[in-house]
PDB file of N, CA and C in Angstrom:
ATOM      1  N   UNK A   1      41.137  49.996  69.870  1.00  0.00           N
ATOM      2  CA  UNK A   1      39.793  49.402  69.752  1.00  0.00           C
ATOM      3  C   UNK A   1      38.950  50.166  68.719  1.00  0.00           C
ATOM      4  N   UNK A   2      38.927  51.489  68.836  1.00  0.00           N
ATOM      5  CA  UNK A   2      38.110  52.297  67.927  1.00  0.00           C
ATOM      6  C   UNK A   2      38.532  52.121  66.483  1.00  0.00           C
ATOM      7  N   UNK A   3      39.858  52.058  66.251  1.00  0.00           N
ATOM      8  CA  UNK A   3      40.342  51.902  64.875  1.00  0.00           C
ATOM      9  C   UNK A   3      39.856  50.595  64.275  1.00  0.00           C
ATOM     10  N   UNK A   4      39.894  49.518  65.069  1.00  0.00           N
ATOM     11  CA  UNK A   4      39.441  48.216  64.560  1.00  0.00           C
ATOM     12  C   UNK A   4      37.971  48.279  64.182  1.00  0.00           C
ATOM     13  N   UNK A   5      37.158  48.914  65.018  1.00  0.00           N
ATOM     14  CA  UNK A   5      35.729  49.019  64.709  1.00  0.00           C
ATOM     15  C   UNK A   5      35.519  49.784  63.417  1.00  0.00           C
ATOM     16  N   UNK A   6      36.282  50.845  63.230  1.00  0.00           N
ATOM     17  CA  UNK A   6      36.145  51.653  62.011  1.00  0.00           C
ATOM     18  C   UNK A   6      36.513  50.819  60.784  1.00  0.00           C
ATOM     19  N   UNK A   7      37.590  50.039  60.891  1.00  0.00           N
ATOM     20  CA  UNK A   7      38.006  49.183  59.771  1.00  0.00           C
ATOM     21  C   UNK A   7      36.910  48.172  59.445  1.00  0.00           C
ATOM     22  N   UNK A   8      36.319  47.578  60.474  1.00  0.00           N
ATOM     23  CA  UNK A   8      35.254  46.597  60.252  1.00  0.00           C
ATOM     24  C   UNK A   8      34.065  47.244  59.547  1.00  0.00           C
ATOM     25  N   UNK A   9      33.727  48.472  59.954  1.00  0.00           N
ATOM     26  CA  UNK A   9      32.606  49.165  59.303  1.00  0.00           C
ATOM     27  C   UNK A   9      32.913  49.394  57.833  1.00  0.00           C
ATOM     28  N   UNK A  10      34.142  49.803  57.527  1.00  0.00           N
ATOM     29  CA  UNK A  10      34.524  50.031  56.136  1.00  0.00           C
ATOM     30  C   UNK A  10      34.444  48.728  55.341  1.00  0.00           C
ATOM     31  N   UNK A  11      34.887  47.622  55.944  1.00  0.00           N
ATOM     32  CA  UNK A  11      34.828  46.324  55.270  1.00  0.00           C
ATOM     33  C   UNK A  11      33.375  45.954  54.983  1.00  0.00           C
ATOM     34  N   UNK A  12      32.497  46.164  55.981  1.00  0.00           N
ATOM     35  CA  UNK A  12      31.080  45.848  55.791  1.00  0.00           C
ATOM     36  C   UNK A  12      30.507  46.669  54.646  1.00  0.00           C
ATOM     37  N   UNK A  13      30.855  47.961  54.607  1.00  0.00           N
ATOM     38  CA  UNK A  13      30.348  48.840  53.542  1.00  0.00           C
ATOM     39  C   UNK A  13      30.853  48.351  52.186  1.00  0.00           C
ATOM     40  N   UNK A  14      32.140  48.000  52.112  1.00  0.00           N
ATOM     41  CA  UNK A  14      32.714  47.514  50.849  1.00  0.00           C
ATOM     42  C   UNK A  14      32.014  46.237  50.401  1.00  0.00           C
ATOM     43  N   UNK A  15      31.785  45.314  51.345  1.00  0.00           N
ATOM     44  CA  UNK A  15      31.132  44.047  50.995  1.00  0.00           C
ATOM     45  C   UNK A  15      29.722  44.292  50.488  1.00  0.00           C
ATOM     46  N   UNK A  16      28.990  45.187  51.147  1.00  0.00           N
ATOM     47  CA  UNK A  16      27.609  45.438  50.731  1.00  0.00           C
ATOM     48  C   UNK A  16      27.572  46.091  49.360  1.00  0.00           C
ATOM     49  N   UNK A  17      28.524  46.988  49.073  1.00  0.00           N
ATOM     50  CA  UNK A  17      28.544  47.622  47.745  1.00  0.00           C
ATOM     51  C   UNK A  17      28.891  46.587  46.686  1.00  0.00           C
ATOM     52  N   UNK A  18      29.795  45.661  47.011  1.00  0.00           N
ATOM     53  CA  UNK A  18      30.161  44.610  46.060  1.00  0.00           C
ATOM     54  C   UNK A  18      28.933  43.736  45.777  1.00  0.00           C
ATOM     55  N   UNK A  19      28.183  43.413  46.826  1.00  0.00           N
ATOM     56  CA  UNK A  19      26.984  42.582  46.648  1.00  0.00           C
ATOM     57  C   UNK A  19      25.969  43.291  45.764  1.00  0.00           C
ATOM     58  N   UNK A  20      25.707  44.578  46.038  1.00  0.00           N
ATOM     59  CA  UNK A  20      24.719  45.304  45.244  1.00  0.00           C
ATOM     60  C   UNK A  20      25.200  45.447  43.808  1.00  0.00           C
ATOM     61  N   UNK A  21      26.494  45.668  43.617  1.00  0.00           N
ATOM     62  CA  UNK A  21      27.040  45.799  42.262  1.00  0.00           C
ATOM     63  C   UNK A  21      26.842  44.496  41.484  1.00  0.00           C
ATOM     64  N   UNK A  22      27.097  43.365  42.132  1.00  0.00           N
ATOM     65  CA  UNK A  22      26.942  42.077  41.439  1.00  0.00           C
ATOM     66  C   UNK A  22      25.470  41.833  41.114  1.00  0.00           C
ATOM     67  N   UNK A  23      24.579  42.236  42.020  1.00  0.00           N
ATOM     68  CA  UNK A  23      23.141  42.071  41.763  1.00  0.00           C
ATOM     69  C   UNK A  23      22.734  42.915  40.561  1.00  0.00           C
ATOM     70  N   UNK A  24      23.247  44.147  40.496  1.00  0.00           N
ATOM     71  CA  UNK A  24      22.904  45.048  39.392  1.00  0.00           C
ATOM     72  C   UNK A  24      23.423  44.479  38.070  1.00  0.00           C
ATOM     73  N   UNK A  25      24.652  43.961  38.067  1.00  0.00           N
ATOM     74  CA  UNK A  25      25.208  43.402  36.829  1.00  0.00           C
ATOM     75  C   UNK A  25      24.407  42.168  36.408  1.00  0.00           C
ATOM     76  N   UNK A  26      24.033  41.341  37.381  1.00  0.00           N
ATOM     77  CA  UNK A  26      23.234  40.152  37.057  1.00  0.00           C
ATOM     78  C   UNK A  26      21.893  40.563  36.467  1.00  0.00           C
ATOM     79  N   UNK A  27      21.262  41.596  37.039  1.00  0.00           N
ATOM     80  CA  UNK A  27      19.964  42.060  36.543  1.00  0.00           C
ATOM     81  C   UNK A  27      20.108  42.587  35.121  1.00  0.00           C
ATOM     82  N   UNK A  28      21.163  43.354  34.869  1.00  0.00           N
ATOM     83  CA  UNK A  28      21.351  43.905  33.521  1.00  0.00           C
ATOM     84  C   UNK A  28      21.589  42.779  32.513  1.00  0.00           C
ATOM     85  N   UNK A  29      22.311  41.748  32.912  1.00  0.00           N
ATOM     86  CA  UNK A  29      22.537  40.602  32.029  1.00  0.00           C
ATOM     87  C   UNK A  29      21.207  39.923  31.722  1.00  0.00           C
ATOM     88  N   UNK A  30      20.375  39.751  32.754  1.00  0.00           N
ATOM     89  CA  UNK A  30      19.060  39.130  32.571  1.00  0.00           C
ATOM     90  C   UNK A  30      18.231  39.943  31.585  1.00  0.00           C
ATOM     91  N   UNK A  31      18.221  41.252  31.768  1.00  0.00           N
ATOM     92  CA  UNK A  31      17.429  42.127  30.893  1.00  0.00           C
ATOM     93  C   UNK A  31      17.923  42.005  29.451  1.00  0.00           C
ATOM     94  N   UNK A  32      19.231  41.984  29.254  1.00  0.00           N
ATOM     95  CA  UNK A  32      19.776  41.849  27.903  1.00  0.00           C
ATOM     96  C   UNK A  32      19.340  40.518  27.295  1.00  0.00           C
ATOM     97  N   UNK A  33      19.391  39.439  28.085  1.00  0.00           N
ATOM     98  CA  UNK A  33      18.997  38.118  27.588  1.00  0.00           C
ATOM     99  C   UNK A  33      17.523  38.107  27.210  1.00  0.00           C
ATOM    100  N   UNK A  34      16.692  38.757  28.039  1.00  0.00           N
ATOM    101  CA  UNK A  34      15.253  38.785  27.762  1.00  0.00           C
ATOM    102  C   UNK A  34      14.991  39.547  26.464  1.00  0.00           C
ATOM    103  N   UNK A  35      15.718  40.635  26.239  1.00  0.00           N
ATOM    104  CA  UNK A  35      15.515  41.436  25.025  1.00  0.00           C
ATOM    105  C   UNK A  35      15.896  40.635  23.782  1.00  0.00           C
ATOM    106  N   UNK A  36      16.883  39.745  23.915  1.00  0.00           N
ATOM    107  CA  UNK A  36      17.343  38.961  22.759  1.00  0.00           C
ATOM    108  C   UNK A  36      16.287  37.942  22.333  1.00  0.00           C
ATOM    109  N   UNK A  37      15.481  37.486  23.285  1.00  0.00           N
ATOM    110  CA  UNK A  37      14.474  36.454  22.968  1.00  0.00           C
ATOM    111  C   UNK A  37      13.404  37.026  22.033  1.00  0.00           C
TER     112      UNK A  37
END
């Protein structure tokens, strides 16, 4: 039981980091586009 909970926590952490990374890349793309205008 404990091992499964630990795996789920790691998955949640990985998913949240992936989400924040995609948000950061999207923001940087937006900033680059704004600078080009």
